[in-house]
Amino acid sequence: MVNTDQAAKIAGTSRVTINAWIAKGRAIGLPRTTRGFRLPVWQFEPALWDVVPKLAKALGTVDGWTMLSFLETPHGGLGGATPRQALEQGQADRVLLLAGAEGL
């Protein structure tokens, strides 16, 4: 996990942009109890980065905890693999289809 300043450095942008991305579902941000967000660093990997906004749309939410829970929970439709593992293996279409079926 990284904070918004670290995420901005990784993405080559500003903290303000990272916060806007979180609000729009472009990035997964988990709110901290005081202020700011923590972001899973793996979402900035190419296999995942392009899928995050599509995932938010398919799930019908930009809530970071909901998106993270979906990505990290083993899924029967993926043979017990997590959606994140499936994304890393190039199965984005399948993961998005499952996300759409589970959408809010």
PDB file of N, CA and C in Angstrom:
ATOM      1  N   MET A   1       0.837  -1.175   0.000  1.00  0.00           N
ATOM      2  CA  MET A   1       0.000   0.000   0.000  1.00  0.00           C
ATOM      3  C   MET A   1       0.885   1.241   0.000  1.00  0.00           C
ATOM      4  N   VAL A   2       0.398   2.254  -0.705  1.00  0.00           N
ATOM      5  CA  VAL A   2       1.117   3.522  -0.761  1.00  0.00           C
ATOM      6  C   VAL A   2       0.128   4.648  -0.448  1.00  0.00           C
ATOM      7  N   ASN A   3       0.650   5.797  -0.033  1.00  0.00           N
ATOM      8  CA  ASN A   3      -0.219   6.953   0.184  1.00  0.00           C
ATOM      9  C   ASN A   3      -0.375   7.705  -1.145  1.00  0.00           C
ATOM     10  N   THR A   4      -1.159   8.753  -1.133  1.00  0.00           N
ATOM     11  CA  THR A   4      -1.441   9.462  -2.384  1.00  0.00           C
ATOM     12  C   THR A   4      -0.201  10.144  -2.960  1.00  0.00           C
ATOM     13  N   ASP A   5       0.693  10.621  -2.097  1.00  0.00           N
ATOM     14  CA  ASP A   5       1.935  11.224  -2.604  1.00  0.00           C
ATOM     15  C   ASP A   5       2.794  10.189  -3.318  1.00  0.00           C
ATOM     16  N   GLN A   6       2.906   9.006  -2.724  1.00  0.00           N
ATOM     17  CA  GLN A   6       3.697   7.932  -3.344  1.00  0.00           C
ATOM     18  C   GLN A   6       3.034   7.454  -4.636  1.00  0.00           C
ATOM     19  N   ALA A   7       1.714   7.345  -4.618  1.00  0.00           N
ATOM     20  CA  ALA A   7       0.986   6.939  -5.825  1.00  0.00           C
ATOM     21  C   ALA A   7       1.192   7.951  -6.946  1.00  0.00           C
ATOM     22  N   ALA A   8       1.195   9.227  -6.593  1.00  0.00           N
ATOM     23  CA  ALA A   8       1.407  10.280  -7.590  1.00  0.00           C
ATOM     24  C   ALA A   8       2.782  10.136  -8.225  1.00  0.00           C
ATOM     25  N   LYS A   9       3.763   9.805  -7.422  1.00  0.00           N
ATOM     26  CA  LYS A   9       5.121   9.616  -7.944  1.00  0.00           C
ATOM     27  C   LYS A   9       5.171   8.433  -8.917  1.00  0.00           C
ATOM     28  N   ILE A  10       4.527   7.331  -8.533  1.00  0.00           N
ATOM     29  CA  ILE A  10       4.496   6.136  -9.380  1.00  0.00           C
ATOM     30  C   ILE A  10       3.804   6.437 -10.706  1.00  0.00           C
ATOM     31  N   ALA A  11       2.684   7.160 -10.639  1.00  0.00           N
ATOM     32  CA  ALA A  11       1.885   7.441 -11.831  1.00  0.00           C
ATOM     33  C   ALA A  11       2.387   8.649 -12.615  1.00  0.00           C
ATOM     34  N   GLY A  12       3.346   9.374 -12.053  1.00  0.00           N
ATOM     35  CA  GLY A  12       3.874  10.544 -12.737  1.00  0.00           C
ATOM     36  C   GLY A  12       2.875  11.683 -12.811  1.00  0.00           C
ATOM     37  N   THR A  13       2.158  11.889 -11.717  1.00  0.00           N
ATOM     38  CA  THR A  13       1.145  12.940 -11.686  1.00  0.00           C
ATOM     39  C   THR A  13       1.143  13.592 -10.305  1.00  0.00           C
ATOM     40  N   SER A  14       0.090  14.291  -9.978  1.00  0.00           N
ATOM     41  CA  SER A  14       0.012  14.985  -8.690  1.00  0.00           C
ATOM     42  C   SER A  14      -0.929  14.257  -7.728  1.00  0.00           C
ATOM     43  N   ARG A  15      -0.817  14.604  -6.458  1.00  0.00           N
ATOM     44  CA  ARG A  15      -1.706  14.055  -5.434  1.00  0.00           C
ATOM     45  C   ARG A  15      -3.149  14.459  -5.723  1.00  0.00           C
ATOM     46  N   VAL A  16      -3.353  15.664  -6.202  1.00  0.00           N
ATOM     47  CA  VAL A  16      -4.699  16.149  -6.534  1.00  0.00           C
ATOM     48  C   VAL A  16      -5.316  15.268  -7.621  1.00  0.00           C
ATOM     49  N   THR A  17      -4.520  14.918  -8.619  1.00  0.00           N
ATOM     50  CA  THR A  17      -5.010  14.051  -9.688  1.00  0.00           C
ATOM     51  C   THR A  17      -5.340  12.665  -9.151  1.00  0.00           C
ATOM     52  N   ILE A  18      -4.495  12.134  -8.280  1.00  0.00           N
ATOM     53  CA  ILE A  18      -4.762  10.821  -7.678  1.00  0.00           C
ATOM     54  C   ILE A  18      -6.098  10.858  -6.934  1.00  0.00           C
ATOM     55  N   ASN A  19      -6.330  11.912  -6.155  1.00  0.00           N
ATOM     56  CA  ASN A  19      -7.605  12.041  -5.432  1.00  0.00           C
ATOM     57  C   ASN A  19      -8.786  12.108  -6.391  1.00  0.00           C
ATOM     58  N   ALA A  20      -8.618  12.806  -7.516  1.00  0.00           N
ATOM     59  CA  ALA A  20      -9.687  12.877  -8.519  1.00  0.00           C
ATOM     60  C   ALA A  20      -9.924  11.501  -9.140  1.00  0.00           C
ATOM     61  N   TRP A  21      -8.842  10.777  -9.411  1.00  0.00           N
ATOM     62  CA  TRP A  21      -8.979   9.426  -9.968  1.00  0.00           C
ATOM     63  C   TRP A  21      -9.733   8.518  -9.004  1.00  0.00           C
ATOM     64  N   ILE A  22      -9.442   8.619  -7.718  1.00  0.00           N
ATOM     65  CA  ILE A  22     -10.140   7.806  -6.727  1.00  0.00           C
ATOM     66  C   ILE A  22     -11.631   8.136  -6.742  1.00  0.00           C
ATOM     67  N   ALA A  23     -11.960   9.403  -6.773  1.00  0.00           N
ATOM     68  CA  ALA A  23     -13.359   9.839  -6.766  1.00  0.00           C
ATOM     69  C   ALA A  23     -14.125   9.350  -7.996  1.00  0.00           C
ATOM     70  N   LYS A  24     -13.418   9.189  -9.112  1.00  0.00           N
ATOM     71  CA  LYS A  24     -14.050   8.770 -10.365  1.00  0.00           C
ATOM     72  C   LYS A  24     -13.972   7.260 -10.600  1.00  0.00           C
ATOM     73  N   GLY A  25     -13.274   6.509  -9.724  1.00  0.00           N
ATOM     74  CA  GLY A  25     -13.121   5.073  -9.933  1.00  0.00           C
ATOM     75  C   GLY A  25     -11.982   4.721 -10.855  1.00  0.00           C
ATOM     76  N   ARG A  26     -11.124   5.678 -11.151  1.00  0.00           N
ATOM     77  CA  ARG A  26      -9.950   5.440 -12.002  1.00  0.00           C
ATOM     78  C   ARG A  26      -8.833   4.753 -11.223  1.00  0.00           C
ATOM     79  N   ALA A  27      -8.879   4.921  -9.889  1.00  0.00           N
ATOM     80  CA  ALA A  27      -7.891   4.291  -9.012  1.00  0.00           C
ATOM     81  C   ALA A  27      -8.609   3.801  -7.760  1.00  0.00           C
ATOM     82  N   ILE A  28      -8.092   2.753  -7.173  1.00  0.00           N
ATOM     83  CA  ILE A  28      -8.658   2.199  -5.947  1.00  0.00           C
ATOM     84  C   ILE A  28      -7.988   2.883  -4.770  1.00  0.00           C
ATOM     85  N   GLY A  29      -8.789   3.587  -3.982  1.00  0.00           N
ATOM     86  CA  GLY A  29      -8.273   4.268  -2.804  1.00  0.00           C
ATOM     87  C   GLY A  29      -9.059   3.870  -1.579  1.00  0.00           C
ATOM     88  N   LEU A  30      -8.356   3.499  -0.534  1.00  0.00           N
ATOM     89  CA  LEU A  30      -8.997   3.113   0.716  1.00  0.00           C
ATOM     90  C   LEU A  30      -8.869   4.269   1.701  1.00  0.00           C
ATOM     91  N   PRO A  31      -9.991   4.813   2.144  1.00  0.00           N
ATOM     92  CA  PRO A  31      -9.914   5.970   3.033  1.00  0.00           C
ATOM     93  C   PRO A  31      -9.236   5.633   4.356  1.00  0.00           C
ATOM     94  N   ARG A  32      -8.419   6.558   4.823  1.00  0.00           N
ATOM     95  CA  ARG A  32      -7.766   6.406   6.117  1.00  0.00           C
ATOM     96  C   ARG A  32      -8.679   6.985   7.189  1.00  0.00           C
ATOM     97  N   THR A  33      -8.472   6.598   8.422  1.00  0.00           N
ATOM     98  CA  THR A  33      -9.338   7.076   9.495  1.00  0.00           C
ATOM     99  C   THR A  33      -9.155   8.565   9.755  1.00  0.00           C
ATOM    100  N   THR A  34      -7.975   9.080   9.502  1.00  0.00           N
ATOM    101  CA  THR A  34      -7.748  10.504   9.729  1.00  0.00           C
ATOM    102  C   THR A  34      -8.003  11.299   8.466  1.00  0.00           C
ATOM    103  N   ARG A  35      -7.156  11.136   7.484  1.00  0.00           N
ATOM    104  CA  ARG A  35      -7.264  11.901   6.247  1.00  0.00           C
ATOM    105  C   ARG A  35      -6.474  11.201   5.159  1.00  0.00           C
ATOM    106  N   GLY A  36      -6.919  11.335   3.951  1.00  0.00           N
ATOM    107  CA  GLY A  36      -6.188  10.758   2.831  1.00  0.00           C
ATOM    108  C   GLY A  36      -6.591   9.330   2.526  1.00  0.00           C
ATOM    109  N   PHE A  37      -5.812   8.712   1.653  1.00  0.00           N
ATOM    110  CA  PHE A  37      -6.103   7.359   1.183  1.00  0.00           C
ATOM    111  C   PHE A  37      -4.837   6.514   1.194  1.00  0.00           C
ATOM    112  N   ARG A  38      -5.044   5.207   1.216  1.00  0.00           N
ATOM    113  CA  ARG A  38      -3.990   4.231   0.951  1.00  0.00           C
ATOM    114  C   ARG A  38      -4.408   3.547  -0.346  1.00  0.00           C
ATOM    115  N   LEU A  39      -3.447   3.290  -1.206  1.00  0.00           N
ATOM    116  CA  LEU A  39      -3.742   2.689  -2.507  1.00  0.00           C
ATOM    117  C   LEU A  39      -2.912   1.429  -2.698  1.00  0.00           C
ATOM    118  N   PRO A  40      -3.530   0.350  -3.162  1.00  0.00           N
ATOM    119  CA  PRO A  40      -2.745  -0.845  -3.485  1.00  0.00           C
ATOM    120  C   PRO A  40      -1.782  -0.511  -4.634  1.00  0.00           C
ATOM    121  N   VAL A  41      -0.514  -0.744  -4.403  1.00  0.00           N
ATOM    122  CA  VAL A  41       0.488  -0.374  -5.405  1.00  0.00           C
ATOM    123  C   VAL A  41       0.373  -1.225  -6.672  1.00  0.00           C
ATOM    124  N   TRP A  42      -0.115  -2.461  -6.538  1.00  0.00           N
ATOM    125  CA  TRP A  42      -0.196  -3.345  -7.698  1.00  0.00           C
ATOM    126  C   TRP A  42      -1.154  -2.837  -8.771  1.00  0.00           C
ATOM    127  N   GLN A  43      -2.086  -1.935  -8.409  1.00  0.00           N
ATOM    128  CA  GLN A  43      -3.027  -1.442  -9.421  1.00  0.00           C
ATOM    129  C   GLN A  43      -2.355  -0.615 -10.505  1.00  0.00           C
ATOM    130  N   PHE A  44      -1.129  -0.179 -10.252  1.00  0.00           N
ATOM    131  CA  PHE A  44      -0.408   0.620 -11.242  1.00  0.00           C
ATOM    132  C   PHE A  44       0.356  -0.238 -12.245  1.00  0.00           C
ATOM    133  N   GLU A  45       0.278  -1.556 -12.090  1.00  0.00           N
ATOM    134  CA  GLU A  45       0.887  -2.465 -13.072  1.00  0.00           C
ATOM    135  C   GLU A  45       0.059  -2.413 -14.360  1.00  0.00           C
ATOM    136  N   PRO A  46       0.712  -2.494 -15.525  1.00  0.00           N
ATOM    137  CA  PRO A  46      -0.017  -2.373 -16.794  1.00  0.00           C
ATOM    138  C   PRO A  46      -1.202  -3.322 -16.944  1.00  0.00           C
ATOM    139  N   ALA A  47      -1.093  -4.546 -16.451  1.00  0.00           N
ATOM    140  CA  ALA A  47      -2.185  -5.512 -16.609  1.00  0.00           C
ATOM    141  C   ALA A  47      -3.432  -5.095 -15.845  1.00  0.00           C
ATOM    142  N   LEU A  48      -3.262  -4.278 -14.829  1.00  0.00           N
ATOM    143  CA  LEU A  48      -4.399  -3.875 -13.999  1.00  0.00           C
ATOM    144  C   LEU A  48      -4.841  -2.436 -14.234  1.00  0.00           C
ATOM    145  N   TRP A  49      -3.895  -1.572 -14.547  1.00  0.00           N
ATOM    146  CA  TRP A  49      -4.175  -0.138 -14.617  1.00  0.00           C
ATOM    147  C   TRP A  49      -5.320   0.199 -15.567  1.00  0.00           C
ATOM    148  N   ASP A  50      -5.338  -0.377 -16.733  1.00  0.00           N
ATOM    149  CA  ASP A  50      -6.379  -0.064 -17.710  1.00  0.00           C
ATOM    150  C   ASP A  50      -7.739  -0.661 -17.344  1.00  0.00           C
ATOM    151  N   VAL A  51      -7.739  -1.646 -16.456  1.00  0.00           N
ATOM    152  CA  VAL A  51      -8.977  -2.338 -16.109  1.00  0.00           C
ATOM    153  C   VAL A  51      -9.707  -1.682 -14.935  1.00  0.00           C
ATOM    154  N   VAL A  52      -8.991  -0.970 -14.083  1.00  0.00           N
ATOM    155  CA  VAL A  52      -9.598  -0.423 -12.864  1.00  0.00           C
ATOM    156  C   VAL A  52     -10.849   0.415 -13.147  1.00  0.00           C
ATOM    157  N   PRO A  53     -10.835   1.373 -14.073  1.00  0.00           N
ATOM    158  CA  PRO A  53     -12.073   2.140 -14.307  1.00  0.00           C
ATOM    159  C   PRO A  53     -13.204   1.285 -14.891  1.00  0.00           C
ATOM    160  N   LYS A  54     -12.856   0.307 -15.698  1.00  0.00           N
ATOM    161  CA  LYS A  54     -13.869  -0.594 -16.252  1.00  0.00           C
ATOM    162  C   LYS A  54     -14.470  -1.452 -15.144  1.00  0.00           C
ATOM    163  N   LEU A  55     -13.642  -1.835 -14.199  1.00  0.00           N
ATOM    164  CA  LEU A  55     -14.103  -2.625 -13.063  1.00  0.00           C
ATOM    165  C   LEU A  55     -15.072  -1.812 -12.204  1.00  0.00           C
ATOM    166  N   ALA A  56     -14.732  -0.552 -11.941  1.00  0.00           N
ATOM    167  CA  ALA A  56     -15.616   0.318 -11.163  1.00  0.00           C
ATOM    168  C   ALA A  56     -16.979   0.439 -11.845  1.00  0.00           C
ATOM    169  N   LYS A  57     -16.957   0.600 -13.138  1.00  0.00           N
ATOM    170  CA  LYS A  57     -18.207   0.719 -13.898  1.00  0.00           C
ATOM    171  C   LYS A  57     -19.005  -0.582 -13.835  1.00  0.00           C
ATOM    172  N   ALA A  58     -18.321  -1.711 -14.026  1.00  0.00           N
ATOM    173  CA  ALA A  58     -19.004  -3.007 -14.001  1.00  0.00           C
ATOM    174  C   ALA A  58     -19.590  -3.314 -12.630  1.00  0.00           C
ATOM    175  N   LEU A  59     -18.862  -2.959 -11.569  1.00  0.00           N
ATOM    176  CA  LEU A  59     -19.356  -3.197 -10.214  1.00  0.00           C
ATOM    177  C   LEU A  59     -20.390  -2.164  -9.790  1.00  0.00           C
ATOM    178  N   GLY A  60     -20.426  -1.044 -10.492  1.00  0.00           N
ATOM    179  CA  GLY A  60     -21.380   0.010 -10.162  1.00  0.00           C
ATOM    180  C   GLY A  60     -21.005   0.794  -8.917  1.00  0.00           C
ATOM    181  N   THR A  61     -19.700   0.878  -8.636  1.00  0.00           N
ATOM    182  CA  THR A  61     -19.245   1.605  -7.450  1.00  0.00           C
ATOM    183  C   THR A  61     -17.810   2.082  -7.640  1.00  0.00           C
ATOM    184  N   VAL A  62     -17.472   3.142  -6.932  1.00  0.00           N
ATOM    185  CA  VAL A  62     -16.082   3.604  -6.882  1.00  0.00           C
ATOM    186  C   VAL A  62     -15.515   3.386  -5.479  1.00  0.00           C
ATOM    187  N   ASP A  63     -16.289   2.717  -4.615  1.00  0.00           N
ATOM    188  CA  ASP A  63     -15.845   2.448  -3.252  1.00  0.00           C
ATOM    189  C   ASP A  63     -14.627   1.523  -3.269  1.00  0.00           C
ATOM    190  N   GLY A  64     -13.534   2.017  -2.724  1.00  0.00           N
ATOM    191  CA  GLY A  64     -12.287   1.262  -2.731  1.00  0.00           C
ATOM    192  C   GLY A  64     -12.365  -0.081  -2.043  1.00  0.00           C
ATOM    193  N   TRP A  65     -13.048  -0.126  -0.901  1.00  0.00           N
ATOM    194  CA  TRP A  65     -13.150  -1.396  -0.176  1.00  0.00           C
ATOM    195  C   TRP A  65     -13.948  -2.429  -0.970  1.00  0.00           C
ATOM    196  N   THR A  66     -15.006  -1.999  -1.628  1.00  0.00           N
ATOM    197  CA  THR A  66     -15.809  -2.919  -2.442  1.00  0.00           C
ATOM    198  C   THR A  66     -14.990  -3.456  -3.609  1.00  0.00           C
ATOM    199  N   MET A  67     -14.269  -2.558  -4.272  1.00  0.00           N
ATOM    200  CA  MET A  67     -13.453  -2.983  -5.413  1.00  0.00           C
ATOM    201  C   MET A  67     -12.332  -3.918  -4.961  1.00  0.00           C
ATOM    202  N   LEU A  68     -11.674  -3.576  -3.856  1.00  0.00           N
ATOM    203  CA  LEU A  68     -10.589  -4.414  -3.348  1.00  0.00           C
ATOM    204  C   LEU A  68     -11.105  -5.778  -2.917  1.00  0.00           C
ATOM    205  N   SER A  69     -12.244  -5.796  -2.249  1.00  0.00           N
ATOM    206  CA  SER A  69     -12.833  -7.063  -1.819  1.00  0.00           C
ATOM    207  C   SER A  69     -13.125  -7.959  -3.022  1.00  0.00           C
ATOM    208  N   PHE A  70     -13.711  -7.386  -4.063  1.00  0.00           N
ATOM    209  CA  PHE A  70     -13.981  -8.172  -5.271  1.00  0.00           C
ATOM    210  C   PHE A  70     -12.681  -8.733  -5.852  1.00  0.00           C
ATOM    211  N   LEU A  71     -11.673  -7.898  -5.964  1.00  0.00           N
ATOM    212  CA  LEU A  71     -10.413  -8.317  -6.592  1.00  0.00           C
ATOM    213  C   LEU A  71      -9.644  -9.365  -5.797  1.00  0.00           C
ATOM    214  N   GLU A  72      -9.774  -9.343  -4.485  1.00  0.00           N
ATOM    215  CA  GLU A  72      -8.955 -10.217  -3.645  1.00  0.00           C
ATOM    216  C   GLU A  72      -9.684 -11.448  -3.111  1.00  0.00           C
ATOM    217  N   THR A  73     -10.960 -11.611  -3.436  1.00  0.00           N
ATOM    218  CA  THR A  73     -11.726 -12.757  -2.958  1.00  0.00           C
ATOM    219  C   THR A  73     -11.739 -13.848  -4.027  1.00  0.00           C
ATOM    220  N   PRO A  74     -11.327 -15.075  -3.663  1.00  0.00           N
ATOM    221  CA  PRO A  74     -11.381 -16.177  -4.640  1.00  0.00           C
ATOM    222  C   PRO A  74     -12.794 -16.322  -5.203  1.00  0.00           C
ATOM    223  N   HIS A  75     -12.862 -16.606  -6.495  1.00  0.00           N
ATOM    224  CA  HIS A  75     -14.150 -16.661  -7.195  1.00  0.00           C
ATOM    225  C   HIS A  75     -14.307 -18.009  -7.883  1.00  0.00           C
ATOM    226  N   GLY A  76     -15.448 -18.638  -7.654  1.00  0.00           N
ATOM    227  CA  GLY A  76     -15.730 -19.933  -8.284  1.00  0.00           C
ATOM    228  C   GLY A  76     -15.717 -19.863  -9.800  1.00  0.00           C
ATOM    229  N   GLY A  77     -16.138 -18.732 -10.354  1.00  0.00           N
ATOM    230  CA  GLY A  77     -16.150 -18.560 -11.806  1.00  0.00           C
ATOM    231  C   GLY A  77     -14.757 -18.467 -12.410  1.00  0.00           C
ATOM    232  N   LEU A  78     -13.751 -18.400 -11.537  1.00  0.00           N
ATOM    233  CA  LEU A  78     -12.355 -18.341 -11.998  1.00  0.00           C
ATOM    234  C   LEU A  78     -11.573 -19.544 -11.480  1.00  0.00           C
ATOM    235  N   GLY A  79     -12.307 -20.610 -11.155  1.00  0.00           N
ATOM    236  CA  GLY A  79     -11.655 -21.819 -10.665  1.00  0.00           C
ATOM    237  C   GLY A  79     -10.992 -21.624  -9.306  1.00  0.00           C
ATOM    238  N   GLY A  80     -11.526 -20.709  -8.512  1.00  0.00           N
ATOM    239  CA  GLY A  80     -10.978 -20.454  -7.191  1.00  0.00           C
ATOM    240  C   GLY A  80      -9.894 -19.394  -7.150  1.00  0.00           C
ATOM    241  N   ALA A  81      -9.491 -18.894  -8.299  1.00  0.00           N
ATOM    242  CA  ALA A  81      -8.492 -17.812  -8.341  1.00  0.00           C
ATOM    243  C   ALA A  81      -9.183 -16.505  -7.979  1.00  0.00           C
ATOM    244  N   THR A  82      -8.408 -15.539  -7.555  1.00  0.00           N
ATOM    245  CA  THR A  82      -8.979 -14.215  -7.305  1.00  0.00           C
ATOM    246  C   THR A  82      -9.074 -13.462  -8.632  1.00  0.00           C
ATOM    247  N   PRO A  83     -10.009 -12.534  -8.743  1.00  0.00           N
ATOM    248  CA  PRO A  83     -10.064 -11.725  -9.960  1.00  0.00           C
ATOM    249  C   PRO A  83      -8.738 -11.005 -10.244  1.00  0.00           C
ATOM    250  N   ARG A  84      -8.053 -10.579  -9.201  1.00  0.00           N
ATOM    251  CA  ARG A  84      -6.751  -9.931  -9.426  1.00  0.00           C
ATOM    252  C   ARG A  84      -5.771 -10.900 -10.085  1.00  0.00           C
ATOM    253  N   GLN A  85      -5.736 -12.134  -9.628  1.00  0.00           N
ATOM    254  CA  GLN A  85      -4.854 -13.135 -10.242  1.00  0.00           C
ATOM    255  C   GLN A  85      -5.242 -13.352 -11.703  1.00  0.00           C
ATOM    256  N   ALA A  86      -6.538 -13.424 -11.955  1.00  0.00           N
ATOM    257  CA  ALA A  86      -7.011 -13.618 -13.326  1.00  0.00           C
ATOM    258  C   ALA A  86      -6.620 -12.435 -14.212  1.00  0.00           C
ATOM    259  N   LEU A  87      -6.718 -11.227 -13.677  1.00  0.00           N
ATOM    260  CA  LEU A  87      -6.306 -10.043 -14.445  1.00  0.00           C
ATOM    261  C   LEU A  87      -4.820 -10.111 -14.773  1.00  0.00           C
ATOM    262  N   GLU A  88      -4.026 -10.516 -13.814  1.00  0.00           N
ATOM    263  CA  GLU A  88      -2.583 -10.612 -14.019  1.00  0.00           C
ATOM    264  C   GLU A  88      -2.238 -11.678 -15.054  1.00  0.00           C
ATOM    265  N   GLN A  89      -3.164 -12.609 -15.273  1.00  0.00           N
ATOM    266  CA  GLN A  89      -2.967 -13.661 -16.271  1.00  0.00           C
ATOM    267  C   GLN A  89      -3.646 -13.327 -17.597  1.00  0.00           C
ATOM    268  N   GLY A  90      -4.098 -12.088 -17.738  1.00  0.00           N
ATOM    269  CA  GLY A  90      -4.661 -11.644 -19.012  1.00  0.00           C
ATOM    270  C   GLY A  90      -6.125 -11.974 -19.232  1.00  0.00           C
ATOM    271  N   GLN A  91      -6.874 -12.223 -18.178  1.00  0.00           N
ATOM    272  CA  GLN A  91      -8.282 -12.607 -18.315  1.00  0.00           C
ATOM    273  C   GLN A  91      -9.223 -11.440 -17.984  1.00  0.00           C
ATOM    274  N   ALA A  92      -8.903 -10.271 -18.449  1.00  0.00           N
ATOM    275  CA  ALA A  92      -9.686  -9.068 -18.121  1.00  0.00           C
ATOM    276  C   ALA A  92     -11.145  -9.198 -18.549  1.00  0.00           C
ATOM    277  N   ASP A  93     -11.410  -9.699 -19.737  1.00  0.00           N
ATOM    278  CA  ASP A  93     -12.790  -9.799 -20.215  1.00  0.00           C
ATOM    279  C   ASP A  93     -13.624 -10.683 -19.294  1.00  0.00           C
ATOM    280  N   ARG A  94     -13.061 -11.775 -18.883  1.00  0.00           N
ATOM    281  CA  ARG A  94     -13.770 -12.714 -17.987  1.00  0.00           C
ATOM    282  C   ARG A  94     -14.044 -12.050 -16.633  1.00  0.00           C
ATOM    283  N   VAL A  95     -13.050 -11.363 -16.090  1.00  0.00           N
ATOM    284  CA  VAL A  95     -13.206 -10.698 -14.792  1.00  0.00           C
ATOM    285  C   VAL A  95     -14.271  -9.614 -14.885  1.00  0.00           C
ATOM    286  N   LEU A  96     -14.261  -8.832 -15.942  1.00  0.00           N
ATOM    287  CA  LEU A  96     -15.259  -7.773 -16.099  1.00  0.00           C
ATOM    288  C   LEU A  96     -16.667  -8.336 -16.264  1.00  0.00           C
ATOM    289  N   LEU A  97     -16.777  -9.460 -16.914  1.00  0.00           N
ATOM    290  CA  LEU A  97     -18.079 -10.118 -17.055  1.00  0.00           C
ATOM    291  C   LEU A  97     -18.595 -10.548 -15.685  1.00  0.00           C
ATOM    292  N   LEU A  98     -17.735 -11.137 -14.877  1.00  0.00           N
ATOM    293  CA  LEU A  98     -18.114 -11.545 -13.524  1.00  0.00           C
ATOM    294  C   LEU A  98     -18.460 -10.327 -12.659  1.00  0.00           C
ATOM    295  N   ALA A  99     -17.690  -9.263 -12.796  1.00  0.00           N
ATOM    296  CA  ALA A  99     -17.956  -8.044 -12.037  1.00  0.00           C
ATOM    297  C   ALA A  99     -19.312  -7.467 -12.413  1.00  0.00           C
ATOM    298  N   GLY A 100     -19.636  -7.488 -13.687  1.00  0.00           N
ATOM    299  CA  GLY A 100     -20.933  -7.000 -14.137  1.00  0.00           C
ATOM    300  C   GLY A 100     -22.085  -7.810 -13.581  1.00  0.00           C
ATOM    301  N   ALA A 101     -21.880  -9.114 -13.442  1.00  0.00           N
ATOM    302  CA  ALA A 101     -22.910  -9.977 -12.878  1.00  0.00           C
ATOM    303  C   ALA A 101     -23.103  -9.722 -11.392  1.00  0.00           C
ATOM    304  N   GLU A 102     -22.054  -9.252 -10.732  1.00  0.00           N
ATOM    305  CA  GLU A 102     -22.120  -8.975  -9.288  1.00  0.00           C
ATOM    306  C   GLU A 102     -22.355  -7.512  -8.971  1.00  0.00           C
ATOM    307  N   GLY A 103     -22.410  -6.683 -10.007  1.00  0.00           N
ATOM    308  CA  GLY A 103     -22.529  -5.236  -9.823  1.00  0.00           C
ATOM    309  C   GLY A 103     -23.668  -4.832  -8.917  1.00  0.00           C
ATOM    310  N   LEU A 104     -23.475  -3.675  -8.313  1.00  0.00           N
ATOM    311  CA  LEU A 104     -24.477  -3.151  -7.368  1.00  0.00           C
ATOM    312  C   LEU A 104     -25.651  -2.535  -8.087  1.00  0.00           C
TER     313      LEU A 104
END
